Full PDB file with SEQRES, HELIX, SHEET, SSBOND, CRYST1, ORIGX, SCALE, CONECT and MASTER records, all heavy atoms in Angstrom:
SEQRES   1 A   29  SER VAL PRO VAL ASN GLU GLY ASP GLU ALA GLU VAL THR          
SEQRES   2 A   29  LEU PRO ASP ALA VAL LYS TYR CYS ALA LYS PRO GLU ASP          
SEQRES   3 A   29  ILE PRO VAL                                                  
CRYST1    1.000    1.000    1.000  90.00  90.00  90.00 P 1           1          
ORIGX1      1.000000  0.000000  0.000000        0.00000                         
ORIGX2      0.000000  1.000000  0.000000        0.00000                         
ORIGX3      0.000000  0.000000  1.000000        0.00000                         
SCALE1      1.000000  0.000000  0.000000        0.00000                         
SCALE2      0.000000  1.000000  0.000000        0.00000                         
SCALE3      0.000000  0.000000  1.000000        0.00000                         
ATOM      1  N   SER A   1     -11.917  94.133  19.852  1.00  0.00           N  
ATOM      2  CA  SER A   1     -11.128  95.245  20.260  1.00  0.00           C  
ATOM      3  C   SER A   1     -11.211  95.489  21.780  1.00  0.00           C  
ATOM      4  O   SER A   1     -10.545  96.391  22.304  1.00  0.00           O  
ATOM      5  CB  SER A   1     -11.668  96.507  19.532  1.00  0.00           C  
ATOM      6  OG  SER A   1     -12.957  96.861  19.797  1.00  0.00           O  
ATOM      7  N   VAL A   2     -12.027  94.694  22.481  1.00  0.00           N  
ATOM      8  CA  VAL A   2     -12.205  94.930  23.966  1.00  0.00           C  
ATOM      9  C   VAL A   2     -10.754  94.654  24.669  1.00  0.00           C  
ATOM     10  O   VAL A   2     -10.051  93.694  24.178  1.00  0.00           O  
ATOM     11  CB  VAL A   2     -13.216  94.084  24.622  1.00  0.00           C  
ATOM     12  CG1 VAL A   2     -14.528  94.395  24.010  1.00  0.00           C  
ATOM     13  CG2 VAL A   2     -12.907  92.587  24.375  1.00  0.00           C  
ATOM     14  N   PRO A   3     -10.296  95.457  25.583  1.00  0.00           N  
ATOM     15  CA  PRO A   3      -9.013  95.249  26.312  1.00  0.00           C  
ATOM     16  C   PRO A   3      -9.115  94.009  27.209  1.00  0.00           C  
ATOM     17  O   PRO A   3     -10.200  93.616  27.720  1.00  0.00           O  
ATOM     18  CB  PRO A   3      -8.828  96.490  26.969  1.00  0.00           C  
ATOM     19  CG  PRO A   3     -10.277  97.133  27.327  1.00  0.00           C  
ATOM     20  CD  PRO A   3     -10.981  96.654  26.066  1.00  0.00           C  
ATOM     21  N   VAL A   4      -7.916  93.514  27.518  1.00  0.00           N  
ATOM     22  CA  VAL A   4      -7.891  92.316  28.287  1.00  0.00           C  
ATOM     23  C   VAL A   4      -6.764  92.815  29.488  1.00  0.00           C  
ATOM     24  O   VAL A   4      -5.728  93.139  29.007  1.00  0.00           O  
ATOM     25  CB  VAL A   4      -7.423  91.014  27.617  1.00  0.00           C  
ATOM     26  CG1 VAL A   4      -7.045  89.985  28.669  1.00  0.00           C  
ATOM     27  CG2 VAL A   4      -8.346  90.601  26.722  1.00  0.00           C  
ATOM     28  N   ASN A   5      -7.099  92.667  30.699  1.00  0.00           N  
ATOM     29  CA  ASN A   5      -6.245  93.034  31.707  1.00  0.00           C  
ATOM     30  C   ASN A   5      -5.490  91.761  32.340  1.00  0.00           C  
ATOM     31  O   ASN A   5      -6.034  90.578  32.149  1.00  0.00           O  
ATOM     32  CB  ASN A   5      -7.018  93.772  32.906  1.00  0.00           C  
ATOM     33  CG  ASN A   5      -7.611  95.032  32.432  1.00  0.00           C  
ATOM     34  OD1 ASN A   5      -6.900  95.846  31.766  1.00  0.00           O  
ATOM     35  ND2 ASN A   5      -8.825  95.241  32.806  1.00  0.00           N  
ATOM     36  N   GLU A   6      -4.393  91.878  32.872  1.00  0.00           N  
ATOM     37  CA  GLU A   6      -3.637  90.863  33.547  1.00  0.00           C  
ATOM     38  C   GLU A   6      -4.606  90.089  34.537  1.00  0.00           C  
ATOM     39  O   GLU A   6      -5.146  90.823  35.401  1.00  0.00           O  
ATOM     40  CB  GLU A   6      -2.460  91.377  34.189  1.00  0.00           C  
ATOM     41  CG  GLU A   6      -1.628  90.215  34.905  1.00  0.00           C  
ATOM     42  CD  GLU A   6      -0.367  90.736  35.652  1.00  0.00           C  
ATOM     43  OE1 GLU A   6      -0.007  92.030  35.453  1.00  0.00           O  
ATOM     44  OE2 GLU A   6       0.445  90.001  36.164  1.00  0.00           O  
ATOM     45  N   GLY A   7      -4.667  88.878  34.498  1.00  0.00           N  
ATOM     46  CA  GLY A   7      -5.609  88.180  35.399  1.00  0.00           C  
ATOM     47  C   GLY A   7      -6.914  87.846  34.919  1.00  0.00           C  
ATOM     48  O   GLY A   7      -7.694  86.917  35.376  1.00  0.00           O  
ATOM     49  N   ASP A   8      -7.294  88.547  33.775  1.00  0.00           N  
ATOM     50  CA  ASP A   8      -8.676  88.161  33.146  1.00  0.00           C  
ATOM     51  C   ASP A   8      -8.660  86.751  32.572  1.00  0.00           C  
ATOM     52  O   ASP A   8      -7.600  86.340  32.102  1.00  0.00           O  
ATOM     53  CB  ASP A   8      -8.888  89.177  32.037  1.00  0.00           C  
ATOM     54  CG  ASP A   8      -9.371  90.509  32.459  1.00  0.00           C  
ATOM     55  OD1 ASP A   8      -9.648  90.732  33.781  1.00  0.00           O  
ATOM     56  OD2 ASP A   8      -9.500  91.541  31.696  1.00  0.00           O  
ATOM     57  N   GLU A   9      -9.849  86.195  32.551  1.00  0.00           N  
ATOM     58  CA  GLU A   9      -9.908  84.793  32.007  1.00  0.00           C  
ATOM     59  C   GLU A   9     -10.820  84.805  30.822  1.00  0.00           C  
ATOM     60  O   GLU A   9     -11.946  85.299  30.841  1.00  0.00           O  
ATOM     61  CB  GLU A   9     -10.541  83.887  33.064  1.00  0.00           C  
ATOM     62  CG  GLU A   9     -10.588  82.464  32.512  1.00  0.00           C  
ATOM     63  CD  GLU A   9     -11.115  81.430  33.601  1.00  0.00           C  
ATOM     64  OE1 GLU A   9     -12.328  81.403  33.767  1.00  0.00           O  
ATOM     65  OE2 GLU A   9     -10.383  80.602  34.100  1.00  0.00           O  
ATOM     66  N   ALA A  10     -10.236  84.327  29.694  1.00  0.00           N  
ATOM     67  CA  ALA A  10     -11.159  84.174  28.460  1.00  0.00           C  
ATOM     68  C   ALA A  10     -11.540  82.686  28.306  1.00  0.00           C  
ATOM     69  O   ALA A  10     -10.725  81.848  28.567  1.00  0.00           O  
ATOM     70  CB  ALA A  10     -10.240  84.566  27.292  1.00  0.00           C  
ATOM     71  N   GLU A  11     -12.740  82.485  27.978  1.00  0.00           N  
ATOM     72  CA  GLU A  11     -13.387  81.161  27.715  1.00  0.00           C  
ATOM     73  C   GLU A  11     -13.807  81.107  26.304  1.00  0.00           C  
ATOM     74  O   GLU A  11     -14.643  81.919  25.937  1.00  0.00           O  
ATOM     75  CB  GLU A  11     -14.348  80.859  28.627  1.00  0.00           C  
ATOM     76  CG  GLU A  11     -15.047  79.326  28.482  1.00  0.00           C  
ATOM     77  CD  GLU A  11     -16.112  79.081  29.465  1.00  0.00           C  
ATOM     78  OE1 GLU A  11     -16.094  79.593  30.585  1.00  0.00           O  
ATOM     79  OE2 GLU A  11     -17.027  78.282  29.053  1.00  0.00           O  
ATOM     80  N   VAL A  12     -13.182  80.300  25.426  1.00  0.00           N  
ATOM     81  CA  VAL A  12     -13.351  80.174  23.963  1.00  0.00           C  
ATOM     82  C   VAL A  12     -13.930  78.864  23.637  1.00  0.00           C  
ATOM     83  O   VAL A  12     -13.389  77.819  24.095  1.00  0.00           O  
ATOM     84  CB  VAL A  12     -12.084  80.502  23.245  1.00  0.00           C  
ATOM     85  CG1 VAL A  12     -12.478  80.655  21.750  1.00  0.00           C  
ATOM     86  CG2 VAL A  12     -11.357  81.746  23.750  1.00  0.00           C  
ATOM     87  N   THR A  13     -15.090  78.997  22.867  1.00  0.00           N  
ATOM     88  CA  THR A  13     -15.596  77.701  22.234  1.00  0.00           C  
ATOM     89  C   THR A  13     -14.957  77.486  20.813  1.00  0.00           C  
ATOM     90  O   THR A  13     -15.284  78.407  20.016  1.00  0.00           O  
ATOM     91  CB  THR A  13     -17.052  77.748  22.176  1.00  0.00           C  
ATOM     92  OG1 THR A  13     -17.578  77.923  23.554  1.00  0.00           O  
ATOM     93  CG2 THR A  13     -17.622  76.552  21.680  1.00  0.00           C  
ATOM     94  N   LEU A  14     -14.249  76.448  20.736  1.00  0.00           N  
ATOM     95  CA  LEU A  14     -13.427  76.266  19.403  1.00  0.00           C  
ATOM     96  C   LEU A  14     -14.306  75.281  18.538  1.00  0.00           C  
ATOM     97  O   LEU A  14     -14.489  74.169  18.994  1.00  0.00           O  
ATOM     98  CB  LEU A  14     -12.120  75.699  19.681  1.00  0.00           C  
ATOM     99  CG  LEU A  14     -11.196  76.592  20.486  1.00  0.00           C  
ATOM    100  CD1 LEU A  14      -9.873  75.890  20.820  1.00  0.00           C  
ATOM    101  CD2 LEU A  14     -10.948  77.933  19.887  1.00  0.00           C  
ATOM    102  N   PRO A  15     -14.640  75.718  17.407  1.00  0.00           N  
ATOM    103  CA  PRO A  15     -15.331  74.787  16.447  1.00  0.00           C  
ATOM    104  C   PRO A  15     -14.371  73.574  16.119  1.00  0.00           C  
ATOM    105  O   PRO A  15     -13.101  73.738  16.079  1.00  0.00           O  
ATOM    106  CB  PRO A  15     -15.593  75.732  15.217  1.00  0.00           C  
ATOM    107  CG  PRO A  15     -15.537  77.023  15.696  1.00  0.00           C  
ATOM    108  CD  PRO A  15     -14.502  77.105  16.824  1.00  0.00           C  
ATOM    109  N   ASP A  16     -14.883  72.488  15.682  1.00  0.00           N  
ATOM    110  CA  ASP A  16     -14.152  71.448  15.131  1.00  0.00           C  
ATOM    111  C   ASP A  16     -13.263  71.860  13.982  1.00  0.00           C  
ATOM    112  O   ASP A  16     -13.794  72.585  13.125  1.00  0.00           O  
ATOM    113  CB  ASP A  16     -15.011  70.190  14.766  1.00  0.00           C  
ATOM    114  CG  ASP A  16     -15.763  69.703  15.900  1.00  0.00           C  
ATOM    115  OD1 ASP A  16     -15.301  69.705  17.037  1.00  0.00           O  
ATOM    116  OD2 ASP A  16     -16.850  69.088  15.688  1.00  0.00           O  
ATOM    117  N   ALA A  17     -11.924  71.567  14.037  1.00  0.00           N  
ATOM    118  CA  ALA A  17     -10.950  71.942  13.059  1.00  0.00           C  
ATOM    119  C   ALA A  17     -11.351  71.320  11.669  1.00  0.00           C  
ATOM    120  O   ALA A  17     -11.703  70.146  11.619  1.00  0.00           O  
ATOM    121  CB  ALA A  17      -9.649  71.538  13.309  1.00  0.00           C  
ATOM    122  N   VAL A  18     -11.184  72.053  10.652  1.00  0.00           N  
ATOM    123  CA  VAL A  18     -11.332  71.625   9.208  1.00  0.00           C  
ATOM    124  C   VAL A  18      -9.947  71.002   8.912  1.00  0.00           C  
ATOM    125  O   VAL A  18      -8.909  71.642   9.017  1.00  0.00           O  
ATOM    126  CB  VAL A  18     -11.650  72.776   8.204  1.00  0.00           C  
ATOM    127  CG1 VAL A  18     -11.723  72.120   6.885  1.00  0.00           C  
ATOM    128  CG2 VAL A  18     -13.067  73.324   8.639  1.00  0.00           C  
ATOM    129  N   LYS A  19      -9.816  69.701   8.506  1.00  0.00           N  
ATOM    130  CA  LYS A  19      -8.624  69.138   8.188  1.00  0.00           C  
ATOM    131  C   LYS A  19      -8.183  69.485   6.680  1.00  0.00           C  
ATOM    132  O   LYS A  19      -9.014  69.023   5.833  1.00  0.00           O  
ATOM    133  CB  LYS A  19      -8.782  67.652   8.504  1.00  0.00           C  
ATOM    134  CG  LYS A  19      -8.808  67.343  10.036  1.00  0.00           C  
ATOM    135  CD  LYS A  19      -8.889  65.912  10.272  1.00  0.00           C  
ATOM    136  CE  LYS A  19      -8.900  65.562  11.747  1.00  0.00           C  
ATOM    137  NZ  LYS A  19      -8.953  64.076  12.046  1.00  0.00           N  
ATOM    138  N   TYR A  20      -7.049  69.909   6.528  1.00  0.00           N  
ATOM    139  CA  TYR A  20      -6.526  70.099   5.288  1.00  0.00           C  
ATOM    140  C   TYR A  20      -5.359  69.079   5.038  1.00  0.00           C  
ATOM    141  O   TYR A  20      -4.569  68.798   5.916  1.00  0.00           O  
ATOM    142  CB  TYR A  20      -6.044  71.561   5.031  1.00  0.00           C  
ATOM    143  CG  TYR A  20      -7.023  72.608   5.156  1.00  0.00           C  
ATOM    144  CD1 TYR A  20      -7.281  73.270   6.332  1.00  0.00           C  
ATOM    145  CD2 TYR A  20      -7.903  72.877   4.043  1.00  0.00           C  
ATOM    146  CE1 TYR A  20      -8.282  74.230   6.390  1.00  0.00           C  
ATOM    147  CE2 TYR A  20      -8.872  73.870   4.133  1.00  0.00           C  
ATOM    148  CZ  TYR A  20      -9.085  74.537   5.267  1.00  0.00           C  
ATOM    149  OH  TYR A  20     -10.091  75.394   5.409  1.00  0.00           O  
ATOM    150  N   CYS A  21      -5.287  68.696   3.851  1.00  0.00           N  
ATOM    151  CA  CYS A  21      -4.193  67.756   3.463  1.00  0.00           C  
ATOM    152  C   CYS A  21      -3.454  68.368   2.331  1.00  0.00           C  
ATOM    153  O   CYS A  21      -4.045  68.570   1.169  1.00  0.00           O  
ATOM    154  CB  CYS A  21      -4.730  66.365   3.162  1.00  0.00           C  
ATOM    155  SG  CYS A  21      -3.403  65.179   2.849  1.00  0.00           S  
ATOM    156  N   ALA A  22      -2.082  68.517   2.414  1.00  0.00           N  
ATOM    157  CA  ALA A  22      -1.398  69.043   1.291  1.00  0.00           C  
ATOM    158  C   ALA A  22      -1.328  68.043   0.211  1.00  0.00           C  
ATOM    159  O   ALA A  22      -1.266  66.827   0.401  1.00  0.00           O  
ATOM    160  CB  ALA A  22       0.097  69.268   1.750  1.00  0.00           C  
ATOM    161  N   LYS A  23      -1.532  68.620  -0.992  1.00  0.00           N  
ATOM    162  CA  LYS A  23      -1.548  67.783  -2.255  1.00  0.00           C  
ATOM    163  C   LYS A  23      -0.411  67.885  -3.126  1.00  0.00           C  
ATOM    164  O   LYS A  23       0.233  69.041  -3.270  1.00  0.00           O  
ATOM    165  CB  LYS A  23      -2.792  68.077  -2.966  1.00  0.00           C  
ATOM    166  CG  LYS A  23      -4.170  67.766  -2.229  1.00  0.00           C  
ATOM    167  CD  LYS A  23      -5.369  68.206  -3.115  1.00  0.00           C  
ATOM    168  CE  LYS A  23      -6.688  67.986  -2.340  1.00  0.00           C  
ATOM    169  NZ  LYS A  23      -7.831  68.359  -3.083  1.00  0.00           N  
ATOM    170  N   PRO A  24       0.099  66.957  -3.709  1.00  0.00           N  
ATOM    171  CA  PRO A  24       1.309  67.015  -4.651  1.00  0.00           C  
ATOM    172  C   PRO A  24       1.025  68.045  -5.823  1.00  0.00           C  
ATOM    173  O   PRO A  24      -0.085  68.048  -6.354  1.00  0.00           O  
ATOM    174  CB  PRO A  24       1.451  65.636  -5.242  1.00  0.00           C  
ATOM    175  CG  PRO A  24       0.736  64.760  -4.217  1.00  0.00           C  
ATOM    176  CD  PRO A  24      -0.384  65.553  -3.716  1.00  0.00           C  
ATOM    177  N   GLU A  25       1.932  68.833  -6.130  1.00  0.00           N  
ATOM    178  CA  GLU A  25       1.844  69.727  -7.235  1.00  0.00           C  
ATOM    179  C   GLU A  25       3.228  69.807  -8.025  1.00  0.00           C  
ATOM    180  O   GLU A  25       4.183  69.831  -7.409  1.00  0.00           O  
ATOM    181  CB  GLU A  25       1.499  71.188  -6.736  1.00  0.00           C  
ATOM    182  CG  GLU A  25       0.235  71.355  -6.132  1.00  0.00           C  
ATOM    183  CD  GLU A  25      -0.048  72.826  -5.803  1.00  0.00           C  
ATOM    184  OE1 GLU A  25      -0.022  73.760  -6.594  1.00  0.00           O  
ATOM    185  OE2 GLU A  25      -0.330  73.079  -4.545  1.00  0.00           O  
ATOM    186  N   ASP A  26       3.015  69.904  -9.274  1.00  0.00           N  
ATOM    187  CA  ASP A  26       4.264  69.874 -10.091  1.00  0.00           C  
ATOM    188  C   ASP A  26       4.844  71.279 -10.271  1.00  0.00           C  
ATOM    189  O   ASP A  26       4.613  72.018 -11.203  1.00  0.00           O  
ATOM    190  CB  ASP A  26       3.979  69.391 -11.533  1.00  0.00           C  
ATOM    191  CG  ASP A  26       5.198  69.155 -12.414  1.00  0.00           C  
ATOM    192  OD1 ASP A  26       6.253  69.393 -11.898  1.00  0.00           O  
ATOM    193  OD2 ASP A  26       5.052  68.779 -13.575  1.00  0.00           O  
ATOM    194  N   ILE A  27       5.582  71.674  -9.196  1.00  0.00           N  
ATOM    195  CA  ILE A  27       6.132  73.028  -9.199  1.00  0.00           C  
ATOM    196  C   ILE A  27       7.749  72.922  -9.186  1.00  0.00           C  
ATOM    197  O   ILE A  27       8.306  72.079  -8.521  1.00  0.00           O  
ATOM    198  CB  ILE A  27       5.796  73.651  -7.727  1.00  0.00           C  
ATOM    199  CG1 ILE A  27       4.306  73.658  -7.624  1.00  0.00           C  
ATOM    200  CG2 ILE A  27       6.284  75.137  -7.669  1.00  0.00           C  
ATOM    201  CD1 ILE A  27       3.741  74.089  -6.191  1.00  0.00           C  
ATOM    202  N   PRO A  28       8.313  73.685 -10.023  1.00  0.00           N  
ATOM    203  CA  PRO A  28       9.758  73.668 -10.074  1.00  0.00           C  
ATOM    204  C   PRO A  28      10.471  74.045  -8.906  1.00  0.00           C  
ATOM    205  O   PRO A  28      10.084  75.003  -8.190  1.00  0.00           O  
ATOM    206  CB  PRO A  28      10.144  74.718 -11.179  1.00  0.00           C  
ATOM    207  CG  PRO A  28       8.881  74.908 -11.955  1.00  0.00           C  
ATOM    208  CD  PRO A  28       7.759  74.734 -10.961  1.00  0.00           C  
ATOM    209  N   VAL A  29      11.252  73.199  -8.413  1.00  0.00           N  
ATOM    210  CA  VAL A  29      12.098  73.394  -7.153  1.00  0.00           C  
ATOM    211  C   VAL A  29      13.426  72.639  -7.286  1.00  0.00           C  
ATOM    212  O   VAL A  29      13.408  71.447  -7.741  1.00  0.00           O  
ATOM    213  CB  VAL A  29      11.298  72.972  -5.807  1.00  0.00           C  
ATOM    214  CG1 VAL A  29      10.993  71.610  -5.731  1.00  0.00           C  
ATOM    215  CG2 VAL A  29      12.109  73.583  -4.701  1.00  0.00           C  
TER     216      VAL A  29                                                      
MASTER        0    0    0    0    0    0    0    6  215    1    0    3          
END                                                                             
């Protein structure tokens, strides 16, 4: 909830992404 002002710099450490893979499903379409 902390405010961010114009010109402020955020440095974010991003965890390694979890890879998802869509799987086939027998859905009516």
